[in-house]
Amino acid sequence: MNCPDCSQDLPFPETQHIGSISICENCGAEVEITSLDPLMGRAIEEMK
């Protein structure tokens, strides 16, 4: 799966579940898995 902000490939553990979070090493965006089949995610927006 790619980062929705910068399109960099994201590292996720092999045993993924809905709600797993990964941090993009390129831009720092936090991405949460929202679907396993197909694998999809969304950027987590910070509250300001």
PDB file of N, CA and C in Angstrom:
ATOM      1  N   MET A   1       0.847  -1.166   0.000  1.00  0.00           N
ATOM      2  CA  MET A   1       0.000   0.000   0.000  1.00  0.00           C
ATOM      3  C   MET A   1       0.898   1.237   0.000  1.00  0.00           C
ATOM      4  N   ASN A   2       0.446   2.292  -0.676  1.00  0.00           N
ATOM      5  CA  ASN A   2       1.204   3.532  -0.765  1.00  0.00           C
ATOM      6  C   ASN A   2       0.624   4.611   0.149  1.00  0.00           C
ATOM      7  N   CYS A   3       1.488   5.511   0.567  1.00  0.00           N
ATOM      8  CA  CYS A   3       1.082   6.651   1.384  1.00  0.00           C
ATOM      9  C   CYS A   3       0.128   7.526   0.581  1.00  0.00           C
ATOM     10  N   PRO A   4      -1.021   7.910   1.156  1.00  0.00           N
ATOM     11  CA  PRO A   4      -1.957   8.762   0.429  1.00  0.00           C
ATOM     12  C   PRO A   4      -1.434  10.188   0.235  1.00  0.00           C
ATOM     13  N   ASP A   5      -0.427  10.597   1.017  1.00  0.00           N
ATOM     14  CA  ASP A   5       0.106  11.953   0.897  1.00  0.00           C
ATOM     15  C   ASP A   5       1.230  12.060  -0.131  1.00  0.00           C
ATOM     16  N   CYS A   6       2.174  11.085  -0.131  1.00  0.00           N
ATOM     17  CA  CYS A   6       3.347  11.220  -1.004  1.00  0.00           C
ATOM     18  C   CYS A   6       3.558  10.030  -1.944  1.00  0.00           C
ATOM     19  N   SER A   7       2.728   9.010  -1.868  1.00  0.00           N
ATOM     20  CA  SER A   7       2.772   7.810  -2.719  1.00  0.00           C
ATOM     21  C   SER A   7       3.950   6.879  -2.442  1.00  0.00           C
ATOM     22  N   GLN A   8       4.686   7.094  -1.358  1.00  0.00           N
ATOM     23  CA  GLN A   8       5.779   6.200  -0.951  1.00  0.00           C
ATOM     24  C   GLN A   8       5.185   4.869  -0.480  1.00  0.00           C
ATOM     25  N   ASP A   9       5.884   3.762  -0.746  1.00  0.00           N
ATOM     26  CA  ASP A   9       5.448   2.454  -0.271  1.00  0.00           C
ATOM     27  C   ASP A   9       5.525   2.427   1.257  1.00  0.00           C
ATOM     28  N   LEU A  10       4.455   1.960   1.917  1.00  0.00           N
ATOM     29  CA  LEU A  10       4.399   1.947   3.379  1.00  0.00           C
ATOM     30  C   LEU A  10       4.740   0.578   3.942  1.00  0.00           C
ATOM     31  N   PRO A  11       5.513   0.549   5.030  1.00  0.00           N
ATOM     32  CA  PRO A  11       5.801  -0.725   5.699  1.00  0.00           C
ATOM     33  C   PRO A  11       4.678  -1.083   6.672  1.00  0.00           C
ATOM     34  N   PHE A  12       4.059  -2.247   6.481  1.00  0.00           N
ATOM     35  CA  PHE A  12       3.080  -2.764   7.435  1.00  0.00           C
ATOM     36  C   PHE A  12       3.520  -4.162   7.836  1.00  0.00           C
ATOM     37  N   PRO A  13       3.265  -4.574   9.067  1.00  0.00           N
ATOM     38  CA  PRO A  13       3.603  -5.943   9.475  1.00  0.00           C
ATOM     39  C   PRO A  13       2.809  -6.959   8.656  1.00  0.00           C
ATOM     40  N   GLU A  14       3.347  -8.181   8.551  1.00  0.00           N
ATOM     41  CA  GLU A  14       2.667  -9.212   7.759  1.00  0.00           C
ATOM     42  C   GLU A  14       1.306  -9.564   8.337  1.00  0.00           C
ATOM     43  N   THR A  15       1.157  -9.509   9.645  1.00  0.00           N
ATOM     44  CA  THR A  15      -0.131  -9.784  10.274  1.00  0.00           C
ATOM     45  C   THR A  15      -0.825  -8.451  10.523  1.00  0.00           C
ATOM     46  N   GLN A  16      -1.557  -8.007   9.529  1.00  0.00           N
ATOM     47  CA  GLN A  16      -2.240  -6.726   9.592  1.00  0.00           C
ATOM     48  C   GLN A  16      -3.677  -6.927  10.033  1.00  0.00           C
ATOM     49  N   HIS A  17      -4.242  -5.884  10.603  1.00  0.00           N
ATOM     50  CA  HIS A  17      -5.664  -5.888  10.924  1.00  0.00           C
ATOM     51  C   HIS A  17      -6.195  -4.478  10.742  1.00  0.00           C
ATOM     52  N   ILE A  18      -7.497  -4.363  10.630  1.00  0.00           N
ATOM     53  CA  ILE A  18      -8.102  -3.041  10.490  1.00  0.00           C
ATOM     54  C   ILE A  18      -7.763  -2.233  11.740  1.00  0.00           C
ATOM     55  N   GLY A  19      -7.266  -1.045  11.515  1.00  0.00           N
ATOM     56  CA  GLY A  19      -6.843  -0.189  12.610  1.00  0.00           C
ATOM     57  C   GLY A  19      -5.337  -0.148  12.801  1.00  0.00           C
ATOM     58  N   SER A  20      -4.585  -1.055  12.112  1.00  0.00           N
ATOM     59  CA  SER A  20      -3.121  -0.998  12.177  1.00  0.00           C
ATOM     60  C   SER A  20      -2.659   0.349  11.641  1.00  0.00           C
ATOM     61  N   ILE A  21      -1.617   0.893  12.248  1.00  0.00           N
ATOM     62  CA  ILE A  21      -1.116   2.201  11.848  1.00  0.00           C
ATOM     63  C   ILE A  21       0.347   2.078  11.446  1.00  0.00           C
ATOM     64  N   SER A  22       0.702   2.758  10.361  1.00  0.00           N
ATOM     65  CA  SER A  22       2.083   2.828   9.904  1.00  0.00           C
ATOM     66  C   SER A  22       2.431   4.293   9.699  1.00  0.00           C
ATOM     67  N   ILE A  23       3.693   4.627   9.901  1.00  0.00           N
ATOM     68  CA  ILE A  23       4.165   5.991   9.681  1.00  0.00           C
ATOM     69  C   ILE A  23       5.042   5.994   8.438  1.00  0.00           C
ATOM     70  N   CYS A  24       4.728   6.872   7.511  1.00  0.00           N
ATOM     71  CA  CYS A  24       5.482   6.981   6.270  1.00  0.00           C
ATOM     72  C   CYS A  24       6.884   7.507   6.581  1.00  0.00           C
ATOM     73  N   GLU A  25       7.902   6.770   6.130  1.00  0.00           N
ATOM     74  CA  GLU A  25       9.280   7.180   6.367  1.00  0.00           C
ATOM     75  C   GLU A  25       9.661   8.387   5.524  1.00  0.00           C
ATOM     76  N   ASN A  26       8.930   8.655   4.456  1.00  0.00           N
ATOM     77  CA  ASN A  26       9.254   9.758   3.558  1.00  0.00           C
ATOM     78  C   ASN A  26       8.690  11.096   4.053  1.00  0.00           C
ATOM     79  N   CYS A  27       7.374  11.136   4.391  1.00  0.00           N
ATOM     80  CA  CYS A  27       6.750  12.419   4.744  1.00  0.00           C
ATOM     81  C   CYS A  27       6.251  12.483   6.184  1.00  0.00           C
ATOM     82  N   GLY A  28       6.261  11.350   6.902  1.00  0.00           N
ATOM     83  CA  GLY A  28       5.844  11.345   8.301  1.00  0.00           C
ATOM     84  C   GLY A  28       4.358  11.183   8.532  1.00  0.00           C
ATOM     85  N   ALA A  29       3.578  10.998   7.471  1.00  0.00           N
ATOM     86  CA  ALA A  29       2.136  10.829   7.623  1.00  0.00           C
ATOM     87  C   ALA A  29       1.826   9.518   8.346  1.00  0.00           C
ATOM     88  N   GLU A  30       0.803   9.555   9.217  1.00  0.00           N
ATOM     89  CA  GLU A  30       0.324   8.341   9.874  1.00  0.00           C
ATOM     90  C   GLU A  30      -0.835   7.803   9.043  1.00  0.00           C
ATOM     91  N   VAL A  31      -0.766   6.504   8.696  1.00  0.00           N
ATOM     92  CA  VAL A  31      -1.782   5.891   7.846  1.00  0.00           C
ATOM     93  C   VAL A  31      -2.379   4.689   8.578  1.00  0.00           C
ATOM     94  N   GLU A  32      -3.712   4.653   8.622  1.00  0.00           N
ATOM     95  CA  GLU A  32      -4.444   3.580   9.300  1.00  0.00           C
ATOM     96  C   GLU A  32      -5.093   2.677   8.263  1.00  0.00           C
ATOM     97  N   ILE A  33      -4.982   1.343   8.444  1.00  0.00           N
ATOM     98  CA  ILE A  33      -5.642   0.393   7.551  1.00  0.00           C
ATOM     99  C   ILE A  33      -7.143   0.456   7.804  1.00  0.00           C
ATOM    100  N   THR A  34      -7.901   0.638   6.720  1.00  0.00           N
ATOM    101  CA  THR A  34      -9.363   0.692   6.817  1.00  0.00           C
ATOM    102  C   THR A  34     -10.036  -0.510   6.174  1.00  0.00           C
ATOM    103  N   SER A  35      -9.292  -1.272   5.351  1.00  0.00           N
ATOM    104  CA  SER A  35      -9.831  -2.450   4.684  1.00  0.00           C
ATOM    105  C   SER A  35      -8.687  -3.419   4.404  1.00  0.00           C
ATOM    106  N   LEU A  36      -8.957  -4.718   4.540  1.00  0.00           N
ATOM    107  CA  LEU A  36      -7.924  -5.722   4.283  1.00  0.00           C
ATOM    108  C   LEU A  36      -8.001  -6.311   2.885  1.00  0.00           C
ATOM    109  N   ASP A  37      -9.190  -6.381   2.296  1.00  0.00           N
ATOM    110  CA  ASP A  37      -9.340  -6.976   0.969  1.00  0.00           C
ATOM    111  C   ASP A  37     -10.328  -6.168   0.158  1.00  0.00           C
ATOM    112  N   PRO A  38      -9.865  -5.216  -0.639  1.00  0.00           N
ATOM    113  CA  PRO A  38      -8.465  -4.905  -0.940  1.00  0.00           C
ATOM    114  C   PRO A  38      -7.845  -4.084   0.188  1.00  0.00           C
ATOM    115  N   LEU A  39      -6.501  -4.109   0.270  1.00  0.00           N
ATOM    116  CA  LEU A  39      -5.782  -3.354   1.282  1.00  0.00           C
ATOM    117  C   LEU A  39      -5.916  -1.866   1.001  1.00  0.00           C
ATOM    118  N   MET A  40      -6.533  -1.159   1.944  1.00  0.00           N
ATOM    119  CA  MET A  40      -6.743   0.283   1.786  1.00  0.00           C
ATOM    120  C   MET A  40      -6.486   0.966   3.112  1.00  0.00           C
ATOM    121  N   GLY A  41      -6.128   2.236   3.046  1.00  0.00           N
ATOM    122  CA  GLY A  41      -5.869   2.985   4.269  1.00  0.00           C
ATOM    123  C   GLY A  41      -6.223   4.445   4.078  1.00  0.00           C
ATOM    124  N   ARG A  42      -6.140   5.177   5.187  1.00  0.00           N
ATOM    125  CA  ARG A  42      -6.407   6.612   5.132  1.00  0.00           C
ATOM    126  C   ARG A  42      -5.401   7.318   6.032  1.00  0.00           C
ATOM    127  N   ALA A  43      -5.068   8.538   5.651  1.00  0.00           N
ATOM    128  CA  ALA A  43      -4.178   9.359   6.468  1.00  0.00           C
ATOM    129  C   ALA A  43      -4.924   9.783   7.721  1.00  0.00           C
ATOM    130  N   ILE A  44      -4.256   9.755   8.847  1.00  0.00           N
ATOM    131  CA  ILE A  44      -4.836  10.190  10.103  1.00  0.00           C
ATOM    132  C   ILE A  44      -4.497  11.660  10.261  1.00  0.00           C
ATOM    133  N   GLU A  45      -5.524  12.482  10.336  1.00  0.00           N
ATOM    134  CA  GLU A  45      -5.337  13.922  10.479  1.00  0.00           C
ATOM    135  C   GLU A  45      -5.082  14.267  11.935  1.00  0.00           C
ATOM    136  N   GLU A  46      -4.112  15.126  12.179  1.00  0.00           N
ATOM    137  CA  GLU A  46      -3.845  15.583  13.536  1.00  0.00           C
ATOM    138  C   GLU A  46      -4.852  16.648  13.925  1.00  0.00           C
ATOM    139  N   MET A  47      -5.319  16.580  15.165  1.00  0.00           N
ATOM    140  CA  MET A  47      -6.239  17.607  15.648  1.00  0.00           C
ATOM    141  C   MET A  47      -5.414  18.820  16.075  1.00  0.00           C
ATOM    142  N   LYS A  48      -5.859  19.997  15.664  1.00  0.00           N
ATOM    143  CA  LYS A  48      -5.103  21.217  15.987  1.00  0.00           C
ATOM    144  C   LYS A  48      -5.891  22.084  16.937  1.00  0.00           C
TER     145      LYS A  48
END
